[in-house]
Amino acid sequence: MLSQDLLDILVCPACRNPLRYSETAQTLTCTACRRVYPIQDDIPILLVERATIEGA
């Protein structure tokens, strides 16, 4: 589980907008560009090339 302090400072590396955390899916989703970033072993993988597009 990611701490709220960490979630408060994380932004999408592609567009700099806020990220929405899904604890069950272990992902962070950009609220603007809809990129979905995986979380592995409680480490957010904020690499644009590893992101998928929500709904694509």
PDB file of N, CA and C in Angstrom:
ATOM      1  N   MET A   1       0.839  -1.185   0.000  1.00  0.00           N
ATOM      2  CA  MET A   1       0.000   0.000   0.000  1.00  0.00           C
ATOM      3  C   MET A   1       0.882   1.246   0.000  1.00  0.00           C
ATOM      4  N   LEU A   2       0.534   2.187  -0.851  1.00  0.00           N
ATOM      5  CA  LEU A   2       1.291   3.431  -0.940  1.00  0.00           C
ATOM      6  C   LEU A   2       0.794   4.423   0.103  1.00  0.00           C
ATOM      7  N   SER A   3       1.715   5.175   0.678  1.00  0.00           N
ATOM      8  CA  SER A   3       1.331   6.165   1.686  1.00  0.00           C
ATOM      9  C   SER A   3       0.640   7.360   1.033  1.00  0.00           C
ATOM     10  N   GLN A   4      -0.222   7.994   1.797  1.00  0.00           N
ATOM     11  CA  GLN A   4      -0.921   9.176   1.293  1.00  0.00           C
ATOM     12  C   GLN A   4       0.064  10.308   1.005  1.00  0.00           C
ATOM     13  N   ASP A   5       1.128  10.414   1.795  1.00  0.00           N
ATOM     14  CA  ASP A   5       2.147  11.443   1.549  1.00  0.00           C
ATOM     15  C   ASP A   5       2.778  11.268   0.173  1.00  0.00           C
ATOM     16  N   LEU A   6       3.067  10.032  -0.201  1.00  0.00           N
ATOM     17  CA  LEU A   6       3.637   9.766  -1.520  1.00  0.00           C
ATOM     18  C   LEU A   6       2.611  10.053  -2.614  1.00  0.00           C
ATOM     19  N   LEU A   7       1.395   9.598  -2.424  1.00  0.00           N
ATOM     20  CA  LEU A   7       0.346   9.823  -3.425  1.00  0.00           C
ATOM     21  C   LEU A   7       0.093  11.308  -3.657  1.00  0.00           C
ATOM     22  N   ASP A   8       0.251  12.111  -2.612  1.00  0.00           N
ATOM     23  CA  ASP A   8       0.023  13.555  -2.726  1.00  0.00           C
ATOM     24  C   ASP A   8       1.024  14.250  -3.641  1.00  0.00           C
ATOM     25  N   ILE A   9       2.221  13.674  -3.808  1.00  0.00           N
ATOM     26  CA  ILE A   9       3.242  14.349  -4.621  1.00  0.00           C
ATOM     27  C   ILE A   9       3.438  13.721  -5.997  1.00  0.00           C
ATOM     28  N   LEU A  10       2.906  12.523  -6.217  1.00  0.00           N
ATOM     29  CA  LEU A  10       3.085  11.870  -7.514  1.00  0.00           C
ATOM     30  C   LEU A  10       2.198  12.500  -8.581  1.00  0.00           C
ATOM     31  N   VAL A  11       2.762  12.690  -9.764  1.00  0.00           N
ATOM     32  CA  VAL A  11       2.005  13.180 -10.922  1.00  0.00           C
ATOM     33  C   VAL A  11       2.377  12.333 -12.130  1.00  0.00           C
ATOM     34  N   CYS A  12       1.559  12.384 -13.146  1.00  0.00           N
ATOM     35  CA  CYS A  12       1.820  11.670 -14.392  1.00  0.00           C
ATOM     36  C   CYS A  12       3.086  12.240 -15.035  1.00  0.00           C
ATOM     37  N   PRO A  13       4.049  11.399 -15.380  1.00  0.00           N
ATOM     38  CA  PRO A  13       5.265  11.907 -16.018  1.00  0.00           C
ATOM     39  C   PRO A  13       5.034  12.408 -17.441  1.00  0.00           C
ATOM     40  N   ALA A  14       3.925  12.014 -18.062  1.00  0.00           N
ATOM     41  CA  ALA A  14       3.645  12.437 -19.435  1.00  0.00           C
ATOM     42  C   ALA A  14       3.012  13.824 -19.492  1.00  0.00           C
ATOM     43  N   CYS A  15       2.085  14.099 -18.563  1.00  0.00           N
ATOM     44  CA  CYS A  15       1.343  15.371 -18.662  1.00  0.00           C
ATOM     45  C   CYS A  15       1.296  16.172 -17.362  1.00  0.00           C
ATOM     46  N   ARG A  16       1.883  15.635 -16.291  1.00  0.00           N
ATOM     47  CA  ARG A  16       1.981  16.325 -14.999  1.00  0.00           C
ATOM     48  C   ARG A  16       0.646  16.540 -14.282  1.00  0.00           C
ATOM     49  N   ASN A  17      -0.342  15.726 -14.584  1.00  0.00           N
ATOM     50  CA  ASN A  17      -1.628  15.811 -13.897  1.00  0.00           C
ATOM     51  C   ASN A  17      -1.690  14.781 -12.775  1.00  0.00           C
ATOM     52  N   PRO A  18      -2.657  14.925 -11.861  1.00  0.00           N
ATOM     53  CA  PRO A  18      -2.762  14.012 -10.717  1.00  0.00           C
ATOM     54  C   PRO A  18      -3.019  12.565 -11.136  1.00  0.00           C
ATOM     55  N   LEU A  19      -2.616  11.657 -10.242  1.00  0.00           N
ATOM     56  CA  LEU A  19      -2.817  10.227 -10.453  1.00  0.00           C
ATOM     57  C   LEU A  19      -3.833   9.698  -9.446  1.00  0.00           C
ATOM     58  N   ARG A  20      -4.659   8.756  -9.892  1.00  0.00           N
ATOM     59  CA  ARG A  20      -5.648   8.099  -9.035  1.00  0.00           C
ATOM     60  C   ARG A  20      -5.129   6.697  -8.700  1.00  0.00           C
ATOM     61  N   TYR A  21      -5.086   6.368  -7.420  1.00  0.00           N
ATOM     62  CA  TYR A  21      -4.545   5.101  -6.940  1.00  0.00           C
ATOM     63  C   TYR A  21      -5.639   4.047  -6.846  1.00  0.00           C
ATOM     64  N   SER A  22      -5.363   2.861  -7.380  1.00  0.00           N
ATOM     65  CA  SER A  22      -6.245   1.708  -7.199  1.00  0.00           C
ATOM     66  C   SER A  22      -5.467   0.643  -6.440  1.00  0.00           C
ATOM     67  N   GLU A  23      -5.813   0.474  -5.173  1.00  0.00           N
ATOM     68  CA  GLU A  23      -5.114  -0.507  -4.351  1.00  0.00           C
ATOM     69  C   GLU A  23      -5.385  -1.927  -4.839  1.00  0.00           C
ATOM     70  N   THR A  24      -6.611  -2.213  -5.257  1.00  0.00           N
ATOM     71  CA  THR A  24      -6.948  -3.567  -5.696  1.00  0.00           C
ATOM     72  C   THR A  24      -6.258  -3.930  -7.004  1.00  0.00           C
ATOM     73  N   ALA A  25      -6.189  -2.992  -7.951  1.00  0.00           N
ATOM     74  CA  ALA A  25      -5.549  -3.261  -9.244  1.00  0.00           C
ATOM     75  C   ALA A  25      -4.047  -3.019  -9.204  1.00  0.00           C
ATOM     76  N   GLN A  26      -3.563  -2.382  -8.127  1.00  0.00           N
ATOM     77  CA  GLN A  26      -2.153  -2.014  -8.003  1.00  0.00           C
ATOM     78  C   GLN A  26      -1.700  -1.182  -9.202  1.00  0.00           C
ATOM     79  N   THR A  27      -2.441  -0.089  -9.439  1.00  0.00           N
ATOM     80  CA  THR A  27      -2.131   0.826 -10.534  1.00  0.00           C
ATOM     81  C   THR A  27      -2.326   2.269 -10.089  1.00  0.00           C
ATOM     82  N   LEU A  28      -1.720   3.167 -10.859  1.00  0.00           N
ATOM     83  CA  LEU A  28      -1.952   4.603 -10.757  1.00  0.00           C
ATOM     84  C   LEU A  28      -2.448   5.052 -12.120  1.00  0.00           C
ATOM     85  N   THR A  29      -3.578   5.741 -12.161  1.00  0.00           N
ATOM     86  CA  THR A  29      -4.174   6.174 -13.423  1.00  0.00           C
ATOM     87  C   THR A  29      -4.202   7.691 -13.476  1.00  0.00           C
ATOM     88  N   CYS A  30      -3.737   8.245 -14.585  1.00  0.00           N
ATOM     89  CA  CYS A  30      -3.750   9.689 -14.777  1.00  0.00           C
ATOM     90  C   CYS A  30      -5.186  10.156 -14.978  1.00  0.00           C
ATOM     91  N   THR A  31      -5.555  11.217 -14.278  1.00  0.00           N
ATOM     92  CA  THR A  31      -6.918  11.740 -14.373  1.00  0.00           C
ATOM     93  C   THR A  31      -7.148  12.511 -15.667  1.00  0.00           C
ATOM     94  N   ALA A  32      -6.081  12.859 -16.380  1.00  0.00           N
ATOM     95  CA  ALA A  32      -6.223  13.644 -17.612  1.00  0.00           C
ATOM     96  C   ALA A  32      -5.996  12.800 -18.866  1.00  0.00           C
ATOM     97  N   CYS A  33      -4.811  12.211 -19.001  1.00  0.00           N
ATOM     98  CA  CYS A  33      -4.480  11.497 -20.246  1.00  0.00           C
ATOM     99  C   CYS A  33      -4.834  10.012 -20.200  1.00  0.00           C
ATOM    100  N   ARG A  34      -5.310   9.521 -19.031  1.00  0.00           N
ATOM    101  CA  ARG A  34      -5.806   8.149 -18.853  1.00  0.00           C
ATOM    102  C   ARG A  34      -4.719   7.075 -18.945  1.00  0.00           C
ATOM    103  N   ARG A  35      -3.442   7.463 -18.822  1.00  0.00           N
ATOM    104  CA  ARG A  35      -2.388   6.452 -18.780  1.00  0.00           C
ATOM    105  C   ARG A  35      -2.469   5.705 -17.448  1.00  0.00           C
ATOM    106  N   VAL A  36      -2.232   4.398 -17.513  1.00  0.00           N
ATOM    107  CA  VAL A  36      -2.280   3.549 -16.331  1.00  0.00           C
ATOM    108  C   VAL A  36      -0.876   3.019 -16.079  1.00  0.00           C
ATOM    109  N   TYR A  37      -0.353   3.328 -14.893  1.00  0.00           N
ATOM    110  CA  TYR A  37       0.998   2.924 -14.520  1.00  0.00           C
ATOM    111  C   TYR A  37       0.918   1.791 -13.501  1.00  0.00           C
ATOM    112  N   PRO A  38       1.698   0.726 -13.699  1.00  0.00           N
ATOM    113  CA  PRO A  38       1.658  -0.394 -12.759  1.00  0.00           C
ATOM    114  C   PRO A  38       2.414  -0.072 -11.470  1.00  0.00           C
ATOM    115  N   ILE A  39       2.050  -0.793 -10.420  1.00  0.00           N
ATOM    116  CA  ILE A  39       2.777  -0.748  -9.153  1.00  0.00           C
ATOM    117  C   ILE A  39       3.267  -2.163  -8.904  1.00  0.00           C
ATOM    118  N   GLN A  40       4.563  -2.319  -8.699  1.00  0.00           N
ATOM    119  CA  GLN A  40       5.143  -3.646  -8.456  1.00  0.00           C
ATOM    120  C   GLN A  40       5.886  -3.623  -7.129  1.00  0.00           C
ATOM    121  N   ASP A  41       5.515  -4.509  -6.220  1.00  0.00           N
ATOM    122  CA  ASP A  41       6.134  -4.586  -4.896  1.00  0.00           C
ATOM    123  C   ASP A  41       6.120  -3.232  -4.195  1.00  0.00           C
ATOM    124  N   ASP A  42       4.983  -2.545  -4.264  1.00  0.00           N
ATOM    125  CA  ASP A  42       4.779  -1.221  -3.656  1.00  0.00           C
ATOM    126  C   ASP A  42       5.655  -0.128  -4.255  1.00  0.00           C
ATOM    127  N   ILE A  43       6.142  -0.332  -5.470  1.00  0.00           N
ATOM    128  CA  ILE A  43       6.949   0.675  -6.169  1.00  0.00           C
ATOM    129  C   ILE A  43       6.211   1.094  -7.436  1.00  0.00           C
ATOM    130  N   PRO A  44       5.808   2.374  -7.523  1.00  0.00           N
ATOM    131  CA  PRO A  44       5.163   2.848  -8.751  1.00  0.00           C
ATOM    132  C   PRO A  44       6.155   2.858  -9.910  1.00  0.00           C
ATOM    133  N   ILE A  45       5.768   2.277 -11.032  1.00  0.00           N
ATOM    134  CA  ILE A  45       6.611   2.249 -12.226  1.00  0.00           C
ATOM    135  C   ILE A  45       6.111   3.366 -13.146  1.00  0.00           C
ATOM    136  N   LEU A  46       6.646   4.568 -12.947  1.00  0.00           N
ATOM    137  CA  LEU A  46       6.165   5.752 -13.663  1.00  0.00           C
ATOM    138  C   LEU A  46       6.986   6.001 -14.922  1.00  0.00           C
ATOM    139  N   LEU A  47       7.018   5.009 -15.771  1.00  0.00           N
ATOM    140  CA  LEU A  47       7.697   5.106 -17.061  1.00  0.00           C
ATOM    141  C   LEU A  47       6.628   5.142 -18.147  1.00  0.00           C
ATOM    142  N   VAL A  48       6.656   6.182 -18.967  1.00  0.00           N
ATOM    143  CA  VAL A  48       5.635   6.343 -20.006  1.00  0.00           C
ATOM    144  C   VAL A  48       5.589   5.120 -20.910  1.00  0.00           C
ATOM    145  N   GLU A  49       6.744   4.547 -21.218  1.00  0.00           N
ATOM    146  CA  GLU A  49       6.776   3.384 -22.110  1.00  0.00           C
ATOM    147  C   GLU A  49       6.183   2.129 -21.471  1.00  0.00           C
ATOM    148  N   ARG A  50       6.023   2.096 -20.152  1.00  0.00           N
ATOM    149  CA  ARG A  50       5.407   0.953 -19.472  1.00  0.00           C
ATOM    150  C   ARG A  50       3.913   1.163 -19.226  1.00  0.00           C
ATOM    151  N   ALA A  51       3.423   2.362 -19.459  1.00  0.00           N
ATOM    152  CA  ALA A  51       2.014   2.680 -19.209  1.00  0.00           C
ATOM    153  C   ALA A  51       1.128   2.113 -20.311  1.00  0.00           C
ATOM    154  N   THR A  52      -0.100   1.821 -19.932  1.00  0.00           N
ATOM    155  CA  THR A  52      -1.132   1.470 -20.903  1.00  0.00           C
ATOM    156  C   THR A  52      -2.167   2.595 -20.877  1.00  0.00           C
ATOM    157  N   ILE A  53      -3.034   2.632 -21.867  1.00  0.00           N
ATOM    158  CA  ILE A  53      -4.083   3.646 -21.915  1.00  0.00           C
ATOM    159  C   ILE A  53      -5.383   3.016 -21.426  1.00  0.00           C
ATOM    160  N   GLU A  54      -6.005   3.623 -20.428  1.00  0.00           N
ATOM    161  CA  GLU A  54      -7.255   3.109 -19.870  1.00  0.00           C
ATOM    162  C   GLU A  54      -8.331   3.063 -20.948  1.00  0.00           C
ATOM    163  N   GLY A  55      -8.970   1.911 -21.082  1.00  0.00           N
ATOM    164  CA  GLY A  55     -10.044   1.751 -22.044  1.00  0.00           C
ATOM    165  C   GLY A  55      -9.585   1.416 -23.454  1.00  0.00           C
ATOM    166  N   ALA A  56      -8.280   1.323 -23.669  1.00  0.00           N
ATOM    167  CA  ALA A  56      -7.773   1.018 -25.025  1.00  0.00           C
ATOM    168  C   ALA A  56      -7.665  -0.475 -25.241  1.00  0.00           C
TER     169      ALA A  56
END
